[in-house]
Structure formats: structure tokens, C-alpha cells
Amino acid sequence: MSNDLIALLFWFLGWLLLSIGYFIYKVYIDKDHKVTKKVHAWRAFWTGFWSWIGIFFVFAFLIVGGIALFNDWVEQKLSK
């Protein structure tokens, strides 16, 4: 397989992962009931276009959020 084809497959995999993650977040975690699940699926499909940028952003957000939660936990334990 050529390197271009492998890069394209990784991009499609990222598109799929980000689309599914966005849909799950909007429907089940954020519980946005202003629009239907079909509209969320359509938006997730188009959001997936930015797949690897979005995935890196989500990982960065999770890392920073985890560090912030850990910092708050340590401060609570030290202040007692």
C-alpha cells in the first residue's frame, strides 16, 4: 500500500472516531434536546471532517482537565 492511501485511511478512521464521539457527547452527555438525533448525526458527520485536529483537541482538553482535577484534589487534601 502506498503511504498516501495509509494516510487517507487514518484520516477516515479519525473522521469516524470524532463523529461517533461528537454524537455520543451531544446526545447522551450534553443531552441537547433542542434538535433531533438525526440533526446531531448530520452535524457529527461534518464535524468529523476536522478529525485529527479535533481528536488532538479532545485529548489536550482531557489532559488539562485531569491535571486541574488532580490539582484541586491535592489542594483539598493539603488544606485539611
Protein backbone atom coordinates (compact mmCIF):
# COMPACT_ATOMS: atom_id res chain seq x y z
CA MET A 1 0.00 0.00 0.00
CA SER A 2 1.19 3.48 -0.70
CA ASN A 3 1.80 6.00 2.05
CA ASP A 4 -0.92 8.27 0.68
CA LEU A 5 -3.50 5.52 0.94
CA ILE A 6 -2.47 4.74 4.51
CA ALA A 7 -2.73 8.43 5.44
CA LEU A 8 -6.19 8.58 3.87
CA LEU A 9 -7.31 5.50 5.81
CA PHE A 10 -6.08 7.04 9.06
CA TRP A 11 -7.94 10.23 8.23
CA PHE A 12 -11.16 8.28 7.60
CA LEU A 13 -10.64 6.39 10.85
CA GLY A 14 -10.24 9.69 12.67
CA TRP A 15 -13.34 11.04 10.93
CA LEU A 16 -15.32 8.05 12.16
CA LEU A 17 -13.98 8.29 15.72
CA LEU A 18 -14.63 12.01 16.05
CA SER A 19 -18.10 11.73 14.51
CA ILE A 20 -19.14 8.97 16.90
CA GLY A 21 -17.63 10.78 19.88
CA TYR A 22 -19.35 14.06 18.97
CA PHE A 23 -22.70 12.32 18.54
CA ILE A 24 -22.42 10.48 21.86
CA TYR A 25 -21.40 13.68 23.65
CA LYS A 26 -24.21 15.82 22.22
CA VAL A 27 -26.98 13.24 22.63
CA TYR A 28 -26.11 11.35 25.82
CA ILE A 29 -23.74 13.54 27.86
CA ASP A 30 -24.75 17.11 26.97
CA LYS A 31 -28.38 15.95 26.48
CA ASP A 32 -29.09 18.62 23.88
CA HIS A 33 -32.77 18.05 23.05
CA LYS A 34 -33.22 21.24 21.01
CA VAL A 35 -32.75 19.25 17.80
CA THR A 36 -33.30 15.62 16.85
CA LYS A 37 -30.73 12.83 16.87
CA LYS A 38 -30.73 12.92 13.08
CA VAL A 39 -29.58 16.55 13.12
CA HIS A 40 -26.88 15.67 15.66
CA ALA A 41 -25.76 12.79 13.42
CA TRP A 42 -25.56 15.16 10.44
CA ARG A 43 -23.54 17.68 12.45
CA ALA A 44 -21.30 14.90 13.76
CA PHE A 45 -20.64 13.78 10.19
CA TRP A 46 -19.48 17.25 9.17
CA THR A 47 -17.56 17.80 12.39
CA GLY A 48 -15.67 14.59 11.67
CA PHE A 49 -14.06 16.30 8.67
CA TRP A 50 -11.68 18.00 11.10
CA SER A 51 -10.94 14.60 12.56
CA TRP A 52 -7.32 14.63 13.72
CA ILE A 53 -7.38 18.28 14.75
CA GLY A 54 -10.49 17.54 16.81
CA ILE A 55 -9.05 14.39 18.31
CA PHE A 56 -5.87 16.21 19.37
CA PHE A 57 -8.02 18.98 20.87
CA VAL A 58 -10.12 16.46 22.82
CA PHE A 59 -7.01 14.71 24.17
CA ALA A 60 -5.47 18.04 25.16
CA PHE A 61 -8.73 19.03 26.88
CA LEU A 62 -8.83 15.72 28.78
CA ILE A 63 -5.21 16.03 29.87
CA VAL A 64 -5.64 19.62 31.08
CA GLY A 65 -8.92 18.74 32.80
CA GLY A 66 -7.31 15.76 34.52
CA ILE A 67 -4.42 17.89 35.72
CA ALA A 68 -6.84 20.52 37.04
CA LEU A 69 -8.90 17.91 38.90
CA PHE A 70 -5.75 16.35 40.34
CA ASN A 71 -4.54 19.78 41.44
CA ASP A 72 -7.85 20.52 43.19
CA TRP A 73 -7.77 17.10 44.89
CA VAL A 74 -4.22 17.67 46.17
CA GLU A 75 -5.10 21.16 47.43
CA GLN A 76 -8.13 19.78 49.29
CA LYS A 77 -6.01 17.08 50.94
CA LEU A 78 -3.28 19.56 51.92
CA SER A 79 -5.69 22.14 53.32
CA LYS A 80 -7.14 19.72 55.90
